[in-house]
Amino acid sequence: MWFVSLLSRVDGLILLTSHLDVRAFGVEIVTDAIPASVHRAKNVAGDEKKLDLMDYEHYGTRHRSMMRYCNNVEGSIGFVVSQDGDVRAITRVGDRLVVWENVKLLFDDFKVVQRPTTEFKP
């Protein structure tokens, strides 16, 4: 994973497969269909009454790319890690693009599970 973190120094995002294999880095997702509006969630559920309108143009390449992707690909969830270490989660909730800011990553909550190895017998 240290190598992937080095790739993040390039502007743009790191494109991963569903198995977290790196496909590309320095990527910008472009489309003519940009989000009509972007909302900041003020609670975990992203309830409609707890949303603030955000300025899409305020954010850089990484954030806008992920916003475009999540806006156009139903069911997708994007995570953006800023150079300053802040983490944001992005997804569509109904017809709204919602961003959760200051997502905390608690690595202590995870445990490593060793996968059984397959024995090779010639």
PDB file of N, CA and C in Angstrom:
ATOM      1  N   MET A   1       0.808  -1.193   0.000  1.00  0.00           N
ATOM      2  CA  MET A   1       0.000   0.000   0.000  1.00  0.00           C
ATOM      3  C   MET A   1       0.859   1.268   0.000  1.00  0.00           C
ATOM      4  N   TRP A   2       2.100   1.189   0.475  1.00  0.00           N
ATOM      5  CA  TRP A   2       2.936   2.386   0.488  1.00  0.00           C
ATOM      6  C   TRP A   2       3.152   2.895  -0.928  1.00  0.00           C
ATOM      7  N   PHE A   3       3.222   1.980  -1.903  1.00  0.00           N
ATOM      8  CA  PHE A   3       3.409   2.393  -3.294  1.00  0.00           C
ATOM      9  C   PHE A   3       2.196   3.157  -3.800  1.00  0.00           C
ATOM     10  N   VAL A   4       0.994   2.699  -3.446  1.00  0.00           N
ATOM     11  CA  VAL A   4      -0.231   3.385  -3.854  1.00  0.00           C
ATOM     12  C   VAL A   4      -0.245   4.791  -3.267  1.00  0.00           C
ATOM     13  N   SER A   5       0.204   4.938  -2.031  1.00  0.00           N
ATOM     14  CA  SER A   5       0.239   6.274  -1.430  1.00  0.00           C
ATOM     15  C   SER A   5       1.192   7.193  -2.189  1.00  0.00           C
ATOM     16  N   LEU A   6       2.259   6.658  -2.739  1.00  0.00           N
ATOM     17  CA  LEU A   6       3.173   7.474  -3.556  1.00  0.00           C
ATOM     18  C   LEU A   6       2.493   7.938  -4.847  1.00  0.00           C
ATOM     19  N   LEU A   7       1.633   7.095  -5.424  1.00  0.00           N
ATOM     20  CA  LEU A   7       0.914   7.461  -6.647  1.00  0.00           C
ATOM     21  C   LEU A   7      -0.040   8.623  -6.411  1.00  0.00           C
ATOM     22  N   SER A   8      -0.488   8.774  -5.179  1.00  0.00           N
ATOM     23  CA  SER A   8      -1.451   9.838  -4.871  1.00  0.00           C
ATOM     24  C   SER A   8      -0.818  11.224  -4.896  1.00  0.00           C
ATOM     25  N   ARG A   9       0.490  11.298  -4.990  1.00  0.00           N
ATOM     26  CA  ARG A   9       1.162  12.599  -5.053  1.00  0.00           C
ATOM     27  C   ARG A   9       0.934  13.292  -6.388  1.00  0.00           C
ATOM     28  N   VAL A  10       0.540  12.522  -7.390  1.00  0.00           N
ATOM     29  CA  VAL A  10       0.227  13.077  -8.705  1.00  0.00           C
ATOM     30  C   VAL A  10      -1.204  13.600  -8.655  1.00  0.00           C
ATOM     31  N   ASP A  11      -1.448  14.777  -9.254  1.00  0.00           N
ATOM     32  CA  ASP A  11      -2.808  15.318  -9.259  1.00  0.00           C
ATOM     33  C   ASP A  11      -3.736  14.357  -9.987  1.00  0.00           C
ATOM     34  N   GLY A  12      -4.950  14.278  -9.543  1.00  0.00           N
ATOM     35  CA  GLY A  12      -5.915  13.343 -10.106  1.00  0.00           C
ATOM     36  C   GLY A  12      -6.148  12.211  -9.134  1.00  0.00           C
ATOM     37  N   LEU A  13      -6.906  11.217  -9.555  1.00  0.00           N
ATOM     38  CA  LEU A  13      -7.211  10.132  -8.635  1.00  0.00           C
ATOM     39  C   LEU A  13      -6.552   8.834  -9.062  1.00  0.00           C
ATOM     40  N   ILE A  14      -6.568   7.876  -8.145  1.00  0.00           N
ATOM     41  CA  ILE A  14      -6.031   6.542  -8.404  1.00  0.00           C
ATOM     42  C   ILE A  14      -7.225   5.658  -8.727  1.00  0.00           C
ATOM     43  N   LEU A  15      -7.197   5.036  -9.890  1.00  0.00           N
ATOM     44  CA  LEU A  15      -8.292   4.185 -10.338  1.00  0.00           C
ATOM     45  C   LEU A  15      -7.989   2.746  -9.949  1.00  0.00           C
ATOM     46  N   LEU A  16      -8.883   2.162  -9.125  1.00  0.00           N
ATOM     47  CA  LEU A  16      -8.713   0.805  -8.637  1.00  0.00           C
ATOM     48  C   LEU A  16      -9.835  -0.086  -9.152  1.00  0.00           C
ATOM     49  N   THR A  17      -9.548  -1.370  -9.266  1.00  0.00           N
ATOM     50  CA  THR A  17     -10.592  -2.336  -9.590  1.00  0.00           C
ATOM     51  C   THR A  17     -11.361  -2.657  -8.312  1.00  0.00           C
ATOM     52  N   SER A  18     -12.397  -3.475  -8.432  1.00  0.00           N
ATOM     53  CA  SER A  18     -13.152  -3.877  -7.240  1.00  0.00           C
ATOM     54  C   SER A  18     -12.308  -4.747  -6.309  1.00  0.00           C
ATOM     55  N   HIS A  19     -11.181  -5.258  -6.808  1.00  0.00           N
ATOM     56  CA  HIS A  19     -10.249  -6.045  -5.991  1.00  0.00           C
ATOM     57  C   HIS A  19      -9.078  -5.196  -5.501  1.00  0.00           C
ATOM     58  N   LEU A  20      -9.201  -3.884  -5.683  1.00  0.00           N
ATOM     59  CA  LEU A  20      -8.204  -2.892  -5.258  1.00  0.00           C
ATOM     60  C   LEU A  20      -6.870  -3.001  -5.996  1.00  0.00           C
ATOM     61  N   ASP A  21      -6.913  -3.533  -7.219  1.00  0.00           N
ATOM     62  CA  ASP A  21      -5.733  -3.512  -8.079  1.00  0.00           C
ATOM     63  C   ASP A  21      -5.668  -2.144  -8.749  1.00  0.00           C
ATOM     64  N   VAL A  22      -4.481  -1.558  -8.811  1.00  0.00           N
ATOM     65  CA  VAL A  22      -4.319  -0.247  -9.441  1.00  0.00           C
ATOM     66  C   VAL A  22      -4.417  -0.393 -10.952  1.00  0.00           C
ATOM     67  N   ARG A  23      -5.328   0.366 -11.566  1.00  0.00           N
ATOM     68  CA  ARG A  23      -5.479   0.386 -13.029  1.00  0.00           C
ATOM     69  C   ARG A  23      -4.787   1.599 -13.633  1.00  0.00           C
ATOM     70  N   ALA A  24      -4.818   2.739 -12.915  1.00  0.00           N
ATOM     71  CA  ALA A  24      -4.215   3.967 -13.434  1.00  0.00           C
ATOM     72  C   ALA A  24      -4.089   4.972 -12.285  1.00  0.00           C
ATOM     73  N   PHE A  25      -3.262   5.986 -12.507  1.00  0.00           N
ATOM     74  CA  PHE A  25      -3.170   7.062 -11.525  1.00  0.00           C
ATOM     75  C   PHE A  25      -3.043   8.380 -12.265  1.00  0.00           C
ATOM     76  N   GLY A  26      -3.326   9.469 -11.563  1.00  0.00           N
ATOM     77  CA  GLY A  26      -3.353  10.782 -12.208  1.00  0.00           C
ATOM     78  C   GLY A  26      -4.558  10.930 -13.111  1.00  0.00           C
ATOM     79  N   VAL A  27      -5.623  10.206 -12.791  1.00  0.00           N
ATOM     80  CA  VAL A  27      -6.816  10.133 -13.640  1.00  0.00           C
ATOM     81  C   VAL A  27      -7.764  11.300 -13.353  1.00  0.00           C
ATOM     82  N   GLU A  28      -8.370  11.823 -14.411  1.00  0.00           N
ATOM     83  CA  GLU A  28      -9.480  12.748 -14.260  1.00  0.00           C
ATOM     84  C   GLU A  28     -10.661  12.159 -15.006  1.00  0.00           C
ATOM     85  N   ILE A  29     -11.781  12.028 -14.320  1.00  0.00           N
ATOM     86  CA  ILE A  29     -13.001  11.510 -14.930  1.00  0.00           C
ATOM     87  C   ILE A  29     -13.747  12.698 -15.513  1.00  0.00           C
ATOM     88  N   VAL A  30     -13.947  12.656 -16.819  1.00  0.00           N
ATOM     89  CA  VAL A  30     -14.623  13.784 -17.481  1.00  0.00           C
ATOM     90  C   VAL A  30     -15.926  13.312 -18.113  1.00  0.00           C
ATOM     91  N   THR A  31     -16.900  14.188 -18.069  1.00  0.00           N
ATOM     92  CA  THR A  31     -18.200  13.951 -18.675  1.00  0.00           C
ATOM     93  C   THR A  31     -18.906  15.291 -18.802  1.00  0.00           C
ATOM     94  N   ASP A  32     -19.812  15.379 -19.742  1.00  0.00           N
ATOM     95  CA  ASP A  32     -20.594  16.607 -19.878  1.00  0.00           C
ATOM     96  C   ASP A  32     -21.655  16.715 -18.792  1.00  0.00           C
ATOM     97  N   ALA A  33     -21.979  15.585 -18.165  1.00  0.00           N
ATOM     98  CA  ALA A  33     -23.041  15.553 -17.149  1.00  0.00           C
ATOM     99  C   ALA A  33     -22.462  15.790 -15.758  1.00  0.00           C
ATOM    100  N   ILE A  34     -22.282  17.063 -15.411  1.00  0.00           N
ATOM    101  CA  ILE A  34     -21.785  17.379 -14.071  1.00  0.00           C
ATOM    102  C   ILE A  34     -22.963  17.438 -13.100  1.00  0.00           C
ATOM    103  N   PRO A  35     -22.702  17.274 -11.812  1.00  0.00           N
ATOM    104  CA  PRO A  35     -23.809  17.298 -10.846  1.00  0.00           C
ATOM    105  C   PRO A  35     -24.541  18.639 -10.866  1.00  0.00           C
ATOM    106  N   ALA A  36     -25.868  18.585 -10.830  1.00  0.00           N
ATOM    107  CA  ALA A  36     -26.670  19.811 -10.790  1.00  0.00           C
ATOM    108  C   ALA A  36     -26.432  20.541  -9.478  1.00  0.00           C
ATOM    109  N   SER A  37     -26.243  19.769  -8.414  1.00  0.00           N
ATOM    110  CA  SER A  37     -25.936  20.355  -7.108  1.00  0.00           C
ATOM    111  C   SER A  37     -25.208  19.316  -6.264  1.00  0.00           C
ATOM    112  N   VAL A  38     -24.458  19.805  -5.295  1.00  0.00           N
ATOM    113  CA  VAL A  38     -23.712  18.943  -4.378  1.00  0.00           C
ATOM    114  C   VAL A  38     -24.090  19.374  -2.967  1.00  0.00           C
ATOM    115  N   HIS A  39     -24.323  18.387  -2.103  1.00  0.00           N
ATOM    116  CA  HIS A  39     -24.783  18.685  -0.751  1.00  0.00           C
ATOM    117  C   HIS A  39     -23.845  18.076   0.290  1.00  0.00           C
ATOM    118  N   ARG A  40     -23.602  18.809   1.360  1.00  0.00           N
ATOM    119  CA  ARG A  40     -22.806  18.338   2.488  1.00  0.00           C
ATOM    120  C   ARG A  40     -23.752  17.750   3.528  1.00  0.00           C
ATOM    121  N   ALA A  41     -23.483  16.510   3.927  1.00  0.00           N
ATOM    122  CA  ALA A  41     -24.308  15.849   4.936  1.00  0.00           C
ATOM    123  C   ALA A  41     -23.919  16.339   6.323  1.00  0.00           C
ATOM    124  N   LYS A  42     -24.941  16.595   7.129  1.00  0.00           N
ATOM    125  CA  LYS A  42     -24.693  17.008   8.508  1.00  0.00           C
ATOM    126  C   LYS A  42     -24.988  15.879   9.494  1.00  0.00           C
ATOM    127  N   ASN A  43     -25.406  14.726   8.966  1.00  0.00           N
ATOM    128  CA  ASN A  43     -25.580  13.554   9.821  1.00  0.00           C
ATOM    129  C   ASN A  43     -25.211  12.311   9.012  1.00  0.00           C
ATOM    130  N   VAL A  44     -25.138  11.196   9.692  1.00  0.00           N
ATOM    131  CA  VAL A  44     -24.701   9.947   9.065  1.00  0.00           C
ATOM    132  C   VAL A  44     -25.625   9.510   7.934  1.00  0.00           C
ATOM    133  N   ALA A  45     -26.922   9.681   8.111  1.00  0.00           N
ATOM    134  CA  ALA A  45     -27.889   9.207   7.123  1.00  0.00           C
ATOM    135  C   ALA A  45     -27.984  10.094   5.893  1.00  0.00           C
ATOM    136  N   GLY A  46     -27.471  11.314   5.961  1.00  0.00           N
ATOM    137  CA  GLY A  46     -27.602  12.233   4.826  1.00  0.00           C
ATOM    138  C   GLY A  46     -29.043  12.644   4.605  1.00  0.00           C
ATOM    139  N   ASP A  47     -29.792  12.778   5.702  1.00  0.00           N
ATOM    140  CA  ASP A  47     -31.204  13.173   5.621  1.00  0.00           C
ATOM    141  C   ASP A  47     -31.361  14.494   4.878  1.00  0.00           C
ATOM    142  N   GLU A  48     -32.415  14.579   4.099  1.00  0.00           N
ATOM    143  CA  GLU A  48     -32.680  15.764   3.275  1.00  0.00           C
ATOM    144  C   GLU A  48     -32.691  17.047   4.102  1.00  0.00           C
ATOM    145  N   LYS A  49     -33.238  16.997   5.301  1.00  0.00           N
ATOM    146  CA  LYS A  49     -33.327  18.193   6.149  1.00  0.00           C
ATOM    147  C   LYS A  49     -31.987  18.566   6.774  1.00  0.00           C
ATOM    148  N   LYS A  50     -30.995  17.685   6.657  1.00  0.00           N
ATOM    149  CA  LYS A  50     -29.683  17.928   7.262  1.00  0.00           C
ATOM    150  C   LYS A  50     -28.597  18.071   6.189  1.00  0.00           C
ATOM    151  N   LEU A  51     -28.932  18.719   5.078  1.00  0.00           N
ATOM    152  CA  LEU A  51     -27.983  18.913   3.977  1.00  0.00           C
ATOM    153  C   LEU A  51     -27.718  20.400   3.765  1.00  0.00           C
ATOM    154  N   ASP A  52     -26.466  20.728   3.484  1.00  0.00           N
ATOM    155  CA  ASP A  52     -26.079  22.090   3.102  1.00  0.00           C
ATOM    156  C   ASP A  52     -25.625  22.062   1.651  1.00  0.00           C
ATOM    157  N   LEU A  53     -25.977  23.070   0.894  1.00  0.00           N
ATOM    158  CA  LEU A  53     -25.532  23.183  -0.492  1.00  0.00           C
ATOM    159  C   LEU A  53     -24.047  23.535  -0.523  1.00  0.00           C
ATOM    160  N   MET A  54     -23.293  22.867  -1.410  1.00  0.00           N
ATOM    161  CA  MET A  54     -21.858  23.112  -1.555  1.00  0.00           C
ATOM    162  C   MET A  54     -21.579  23.656  -2.948  1.00  0.00           C
ATOM    163  N   ASP A  55     -20.433  24.311  -3.106  1.00  0.00           N
ATOM    164  CA  ASP A  55     -20.006  24.833  -4.399  1.00  0.00           C
ATOM    165  C   ASP A  55     -19.098  23.818  -5.090  1.00  0.00           C
ATOM    166  N   TYR A  56     -19.614  23.176  -6.129  1.00  0.00           N
ATOM    167  CA  TYR A  56     -18.872  22.166  -6.900  1.00  0.00           C
ATOM    168  C   TYR A  56     -17.537  22.711  -7.401  1.00  0.00           C
ATOM    169  N   GLU A  57     -17.515  23.952  -7.839  1.00  0.00           N
ATOM    170  CA  GLU A  57     -16.306  24.556  -8.409  1.00  0.00           C
ATOM    171  C   GLU A  57     -15.239  24.858  -7.362  1.00  0.00           C
ATOM    172  N   HIS A  58     -15.589  24.792  -6.096  1.00  0.00           N
ATOM    173  CA  HIS A  58     -14.648  25.076  -5.011  1.00  0.00           C
ATOM    174  C   HIS A  58     -13.580  23.989  -4.893  1.00  0.00           C
ATOM    175  N   TYR A  59     -13.877  22.809  -5.387  1.00  0.00           N
ATOM    176  CA  TYR A  59     -12.997  21.656  -5.203  1.00  0.00           C
ATOM    177  C   TYR A  59     -12.091  21.420  -6.396  1.00  0.00           C
ATOM    178  N   GLY A  60     -11.008  20.673  -6.165  1.00  0.00           N
ATOM    179  CA  GLY A  60     -10.016  20.407  -7.194  1.00  0.00           C
ATOM    180  C   GLY A  60     -10.344  19.198  -8.057  1.00  0.00           C
ATOM    181  N   THR A  61      -9.376  18.824  -8.867  1.00  0.00           N
ATOM    182  CA  THR A  61      -9.525  17.747  -9.854  1.00  0.00           C
ATOM    183  C   THR A  61     -10.002  16.447  -9.222  1.00  0.00           C
ATOM    184  N   ARG A  62      -9.357  16.017  -8.147  1.00  0.00           N
ATOM    185  CA  ARG A  62      -9.684  14.755  -7.495  1.00  0.00           C
ATOM    186  C   ARG A  62     -11.145  14.717  -7.046  1.00  0.00           C
ATOM    187  N   HIS A  63     -11.553  15.778  -6.350  1.00  0.00           N
ATOM    188  CA  HIS A  63     -12.917  15.823  -5.820  1.00  0.00           C
ATOM    189  C   HIS A  63     -13.955  15.912  -6.936  1.00  0.00           C
ATOM    190  N   ARG A  64     -13.721  16.801  -7.900  1.00  0.00           N
ATOM    191  CA  ARG A  64     -14.712  16.956  -8.971  1.00  0.00           C
ATOM    192  C   ARG A  64     -14.809  15.688  -9.816  1.00  0.00           C
ATOM    193  N   SER A  65     -13.693  15.006 -10.046  1.00  0.00           N
ATOM    194  CA  SER A  65     -13.731  13.740 -10.783  1.00  0.00           C
ATOM    195  C   SER A  65     -14.603  12.726 -10.063  1.00  0.00           C
ATOM    196  N   MET A  66     -14.394  12.588  -8.767  1.00  0.00           N
ATOM    197  CA  MET A  66     -15.165  11.609  -8.006  1.00  0.00           C
ATOM    198  C   MET A  66     -16.629  12.018  -7.915  1.00  0.00           C
ATOM    199  N   MET A  67     -16.882  13.322  -7.815  1.00  0.00           N
ATOM    200  CA  MET A  67     -18.270  13.795  -7.799  1.00  0.00           C
ATOM    201  C   MET A  67     -18.969  13.459  -9.113  1.00  0.00           C
ATOM    202  N   ARG A  68     -18.283  13.665 -10.241  1.00  0.00           N
ATOM    203  CA  ARG A  68     -18.882  13.346 -11.544  1.00  0.00           C
ATOM    204  C   ARG A  68     -19.158  11.848 -11.645  1.00  0.00           C
ATOM    205  N   TYR A  69     -18.192  11.040 -11.214  1.00  0.00           N
ATOM    206  CA  TYR A  69     -18.359   9.590 -11.294  1.00  0.00           C
ATOM    207  C   TYR A  69     -19.552   9.126 -10.460  1.00  0.00           C
ATOM    208  N   CYS A  70     -19.588   9.539  -9.187  1.00  0.00           N
ATOM    209  CA  CYS A  70     -20.664   9.104  -8.291  1.00  0.00           C
ATOM    210  C   CYS A  70     -22.019   9.639  -8.730  1.00  0.00           C
ATOM    211  N   ASN A  71     -22.031  10.797  -9.344  1.00  0.00           N
ATOM    212  CA  ASN A  71     -23.279  11.367  -9.836  1.00  0.00           C
ATOM    213  C   ASN A  71     -23.830  10.560 -11.013  1.00  0.00           C
ATOM    214  N   ASN A  72     -22.951  10.000 -11.815  1.00  0.00           N
ATOM    215  CA  ASN A  72     -23.360   9.316 -13.044  1.00  0.00           C
ATOM    216  C   ASN A  72     -23.425   7.801 -12.943  1.00  0.00           C
ATOM    217  N   VAL A  73     -22.839   7.211 -11.903  1.00  0.00           N
ATOM    218  CA  VAL A  73     -22.844   5.751 -11.764  1.00  0.00           C
ATOM    219  C   VAL A  73     -23.639   5.399 -10.510  1.00  0.00           C
ATOM    220  N   GLU A  74     -24.870   4.971 -10.718  1.00  0.00           N
ATOM    221  CA  GLU A  74     -25.767   4.656  -9.615  1.00  0.00           C
ATOM    222  C   GLU A  74     -25.179   3.572  -8.722  1.00  0.00           C
ATOM    223  N   GLY A  75     -25.278   3.782  -7.422  1.00  0.00           N
ATOM    224  CA  GLY A  75     -24.784   2.802  -6.455  1.00  0.00           C
ATOM    225  C   GLY A  75     -23.311   2.927  -6.134  1.00  0.00           C
ATOM    226  N   SER A  76     -22.622   3.857  -6.775  1.00  0.00           N
ATOM    227  CA  SER A  76     -21.184   3.998  -6.514  1.00  0.00           C
ATOM    228  C   SER A  76     -20.940   4.814  -5.250  1.00  0.00           C
ATOM    229  N   ILE A  77     -19.813   4.535  -4.625  1.00  0.00           N
ATOM    230  CA  ILE A  77     -19.360   5.287  -3.458  1.00  0.00           C
ATOM    231  C   ILE A  77     -17.917   5.666  -3.724  1.00  0.00           C
ATOM    232  N   GLY A  78     -17.617   6.948  -3.552  1.00  0.00           N
ATOM    233  CA  GLY A  78     -16.256   7.412  -3.774  1.00  0.00           C
ATOM    234  C   GLY A  78     -15.643   7.905  -2.484  1.00  0.00           C
ATOM    235  N   PHE A  79     -14.357   7.683  -2.335  1.00  0.00           N
ATOM    236  CA  PHE A  79     -13.614   8.210  -1.198  1.00  0.00           C
ATOM    237  C   PHE A  79     -12.491   9.069  -1.744  1.00  0.00           C
ATOM    238  N   VAL A  80     -12.377  10.269  -1.204  1.00  0.00           N
ATOM    239  CA  VAL A  80     -11.335  11.182  -1.642  1.00  0.00           C
ATOM    240  C   VAL A  80     -10.473  11.508  -0.433  1.00  0.00           C
ATOM    241  N   VAL A  81      -9.169  11.254  -0.573  1.00  0.00           N
ATOM    242  CA  VAL A  81      -8.221  11.596   0.476  1.00  0.00           C
ATOM    243  C   VAL A  81      -7.435  12.801  -0.020  1.00  0.00           C
ATOM    244  N   SER A  82      -7.576  13.911   0.676  1.00  0.00           N
ATOM    245  CA  SER A  82      -6.890  15.142   0.283  1.00  0.00           C
ATOM    246  C   SER A  82      -5.427  15.082   0.680  1.00  0.00           C
ATOM    247  N   GLN A  83      -4.637  15.957   0.093  1.00  0.00           N
ATOM    248  CA  GLN A  83      -3.225  16.029   0.452  1.00  0.00           C
ATOM    249  C   GLN A  83      -3.043  16.378   1.920  1.00  0.00           C
ATOM    250  N   ASP A  84      -4.004  17.099   2.496  1.00  0.00           N
ATOM    251  CA  ASP A  84      -3.905  17.471   3.915  1.00  0.00           C
ATOM    252  C   ASP A  84      -4.388  16.355   4.839  1.00  0.00           C
ATOM    253  N   GLY A  85      -4.817  15.209   4.264  1.00  0.00           N
ATOM    254  CA  GLY A  85      -5.211  14.055   5.059  1.00  0.00           C
ATOM    255  C   GLY A  85      -6.698  13.919   5.304  1.00  0.00           C
ATOM    256  N   ASP A  86      -7.490  14.945   4.961  1.00  0.00           N
ATOM    257  CA  ASP A  86      -8.938  14.849   5.144  1.00  0.00           C
ATOM    258  C   ASP A  86      -9.517  13.803   4.201  1.00  0.00           C
ATOM    259  N   VAL A  87     -10.521  13.068   4.687  1.00  0.00           N
ATOM    260  CA  VAL A  87     -11.180  12.045   3.879  1.00  0.00           C
ATOM    261  C   VAL A  87     -12.647  12.436   3.717  1.00  0.00           C
ATOM    262  N   ARG A  88     -13.122  12.344   2.481  1.00  0.00           N
ATOM    263  CA  ARG A  88     -14.525  12.618   2.181  1.00  0.00           C
ATOM    264  C   ARG A  88     -15.118  11.394   1.489  1.00  0.00           C
ATOM    265  N   ALA A  89     -16.372  11.093   1.811  1.00  0.00           N
ATOM    266  CA  ALA A  89     -17.113  10.026   1.149  1.00  0.00           C
ATOM    267  C   ALA A  89     -18.202  10.683   0.311  1.00  0.00           C
ATOM    268  N   ILE A  90     -18.424  10.144  -0.891  1.00  0.00           N
ATOM    269  CA  ILE A  90     -19.370  10.744  -1.835  1.00  0.00           C
ATOM    270  C   ILE A  90     -20.244   9.645  -2.421  1.00  0.00           C
ATOM    271  N   THR A  91     -21.549   9.908  -2.503  1.00  0.00           N
ATOM    272  CA  THR A  91     -22.468   9.003  -3.177  1.00  0.00           C
ATOM    273  C   THR A  91     -23.751   9.766  -3.502  1.00  0.00           C
ATOM    274  N   ARG A  92     -24.567   9.139  -4.333  1.00  0.00           N
ATOM    275  CA  ARG A  92     -25.881   9.709  -4.618  1.00  0.00           C
ATOM    276  C   ARG A  92     -26.897   9.143  -3.645  1.00  0.00           C
ATOM    277  N   VAL A  93     -27.695  10.034  -3.071  1.00  0.00           N
ATOM    278  CA  VAL A  93     -28.799   9.631  -2.214  1.00  0.00           C
ATOM    279  C   VAL A  93     -30.049  10.160  -2.902  1.00  0.00           C
ATOM    280  N   GLY A  94     -30.805   9.252  -3.516  1.00  0.00           N
ATOM    281  CA  GLY A  94     -31.940   9.681  -4.328  1.00  0.00           C
ATOM    282  C   GLY A  94     -31.425  10.433  -5.545  1.00  0.00           C
ATOM    283  N   ASP A  95     -31.890  11.666  -5.720  1.00  0.00           N
ATOM    284  CA  ASP A  95     -31.424  12.464  -6.859  1.00  0.00           C
ATOM    285  C   ASP A  95     -30.382  13.506  -6.440  1.00  0.00           C
ATOM    286  N   ARG A  96     -29.858  13.378  -5.220  1.00  0.00           N
ATOM    287  CA  ARG A  96     -28.875  14.345  -4.721  1.00  0.00           C
ATOM    288  C   ARG A  96     -27.499  13.713  -4.590  1.00  0.00           C
ATOM    289  N   LEU A  97     -26.476  14.469  -4.944  1.00  0.00           N
ATOM    290  CA  LEU A  97     -25.106  14.035  -4.700  1.00  0.00           C
ATOM    291  C   LEU A  97     -24.728  14.537  -3.314  1.00  0.00           C
ATOM    292  N   VAL A  98     -24.332  13.604  -2.437  1.00  0.00           N
ATOM    293  CA  VAL A  98     -24.073  13.946  -1.042  1.00  0.00           C
ATOM    294  C   VAL A  98     -22.616  13.645  -0.695  1.00  0.00           C
ATOM    295  N   VAL A  99     -22.021  14.579   0.066  1.00  0.00           N
ATOM    296  CA  VAL A  99     -20.628  14.453   0.508  1.00  0.00           C
ATOM    297  C   VAL A  99     -20.602  14.447   2.032  1.00  0.00           C
ATOM    298  N   TRP A 100     -19.900  13.477   2.592  1.00  0.00           N
ATOM    299  CA  TRP A 100     -19.650  13.447   4.027  1.00  0.00           C
ATOM    300  C   TRP A 100     -18.205  13.872   4.223  1.00  0.00           C
ATOM    301  N   GLU A 101     -17.979  14.900   5.013  1.00  0.00           N
ATOM    302  CA  GLU A 101     -16.626  15.402   5.247  1.00  0.00           C
ATOM    303  C   GLU A 101     -16.063  14.844   6.544  1.00  0.00           C
ATOM    304  N   ASN A 102     -14.739  14.898   6.648  1.00  0.00           N
ATOM    305  CA  ASN A 102     -14.024  14.495   7.863  1.00  0.00           C
ATOM    306  C   ASN A 102     -14.334  13.059   8.281  1.00  0.00           C
ATOM    307  N   VAL A 103     -14.347  12.156   7.307  1.00  0.00           N
ATOM    308  CA  VAL A 103     -14.555  10.739   7.598  1.00  0.00           C
ATOM    309  C   VAL A 103     -13.317  10.239   8.337  1.00  0.00           C
ATOM    310  N   LYS A 104     -13.533   9.588   9.459  1.00  0.00           N
ATOM    311  CA  LYS A 104     -12.426   9.074  10.273  1.00  0.00           C
ATOM    312  C   LYS A 104     -12.157   7.624   9.902  1.00  0.00           C
ATOM    313  N   LEU A 105     -10.912   7.324   9.615  1.00  0.00           N
ATOM    314  CA  LEU A 105     -10.500   5.961   9.316  1.00  0.00           C
ATOM    315  C   LEU A 105      -9.826   5.396  10.558  1.00  0.00           C
ATOM    316  N   LEU A 106     -10.450   4.423  11.170  1.00  0.00           N
ATOM    317  CA  LEU A 106      -9.935   3.842  12.398  1.00  0.00           C
ATOM    318  C   LEU A 106      -9.334   2.476  12.098  1.00  0.00           C
ATOM    319  N   PHE A 107      -8.046   2.449  11.863  1.00  0.00           N
ATOM    320  CA  PHE A 107      -7.386   1.208  11.491  1.00  0.00           C
ATOM    321  C   PHE A 107      -7.356   0.202  12.637  1.00  0.00           C
ATOM    322  N   ASP A 108      -7.460   0.666  13.876  1.00  0.00           N
ATOM    323  CA  ASP A 108      -7.461  -0.249  15.008  1.00  0.00           C
ATOM    324  C   ASP A 108      -8.670  -1.167  15.004  1.00  0.00           C
ATOM    325  N   ASP A 109      -9.732  -0.770  14.312  1.00  0.00           N
ATOM    326  CA  ASP A 109     -10.947  -1.571  14.266  1.00  0.00           C
ATOM    327  C   ASP A 109     -10.844  -2.753  13.312  1.00  0.00           C
ATOM    328  N   PHE A 110      -9.800  -2.787  12.503  1.00  0.00           N
ATOM    329  CA  PHE A 110      -9.650  -3.854  11.522  1.00  0.00           C
ATOM    330  C   PHE A 110      -8.674  -4.896  12.047  1.00  0.00           C
ATOM    331  N   LYS A 111      -8.916  -6.129  11.693  1.00  0.00           N
ATOM    332  CA  LYS A 111      -7.947  -7.156  12.037  1.00  0.00           C
ATOM    333  C   LYS A 111      -7.539  -7.877  10.762  1.00  0.00           C
ATOM    334  N   VAL A 112      -6.336  -8.333  10.739  1.00  0.00           N
ATOM    335  CA  VAL A 112      -5.807  -9.018   9.564  1.00  0.00           C
ATOM    336  C   VAL A 112      -6.219 -10.480   9.640  1.00  0.00           C
ATOM    337  N   VAL A 113      -6.813 -10.939   8.563  1.00  0.00           N
ATOM    338  CA  VAL A 113      -7.209 -12.334   8.480  1.00  0.00           C
ATOM    339  C   VAL A 113      -6.326 -12.995   7.443  1.00  0.00           C
ATOM    340  N   GLN A 114      -5.626 -14.024   7.858  1.00  0.00           N
ATOM    341  CA  GLN A 114      -4.767 -14.724   6.908  1.00  0.00           C
ATOM    342  C   GLN A 114      -5.593 -15.682   6.088  1.00  0.00           C
ATOM    343  N   ARG A 115      -5.375 -15.618   4.790  1.00  0.00           N
ATOM    344  CA  ARG A 115      -6.072 -16.541   3.899  1.00  0.00           C
ATOM    345  C   ARG A 115      -5.310 -17.851   3.856  1.00  0.00           C
ATOM    346  N   PRO A 116      -6.036 -18.946   3.766  1.00  0.00           N
ATOM    347  CA  PRO A 116      -5.335 -20.235   3.672  1.00  0.00           C
ATOM    348  C   PRO A 116      -4.548 -20.307   2.368  1.00  0.00           C
ATOM    349  N   THR A 117      -3.377 -20.841   2.453  1.00  0.00           N
ATOM    350  CA  THR A 117      -2.560 -20.973   1.250  1.00  0.00           C
ATOM    351  C   THR A 117      -2.831 -22.321   0.595  1.00  0.00           C
ATOM    352  N   THR A 118      -2.728 -22.320  -0.698  1.00  0.00           N
ATOM    353  CA  THR A 118      -2.925 -23.557  -1.447  1.00  0.00           C
ATOM    354  C   THR A 118      -1.565 -24.212  -1.605  1.00  0.00           C
ATOM    355  N   GLU A 119      -1.495 -25.436  -1.234  1.00  0.00           N
ATOM    356  CA  GLU A 119      -0.229 -26.149  -1.319  1.00  0.00           C
ATOM    357  C   GLU A 119      -0.026 -26.657  -2.736  1.00  0.00           C
ATOM    358  N   PHE A 120       1.143 -26.409  -3.286  1.00  0.00           N
ATOM    359  CA  PHE A 120       1.469 -26.860  -4.639  1.00  0.00           C
ATOM    360  C   PHE A 120       2.150 -28.217  -4.558  1.00  0.00           C
ATOM    361  N   LYS A 121       1.544 -29.203  -5.227  1.00  0.00           N
ATOM    362  CA  LYS A 121       2.152 -30.557  -5.243  1.00  0.00           C
ATOM    363  C   LYS A 121       2.390 -30.947  -6.693  1.00  0.00           C
ATOM    364  N   PRO A 122       3.660 -31.079  -7.079  1.00  0.00           N
ATOM    365  CA  PRO A 122       3.959 -31.461  -8.470  1.00  0.00           C
ATOM    366  C   PRO A 122       3.609 -32.905  -8.780  1.00  0.00           C
TER     367      PRO A 122
END
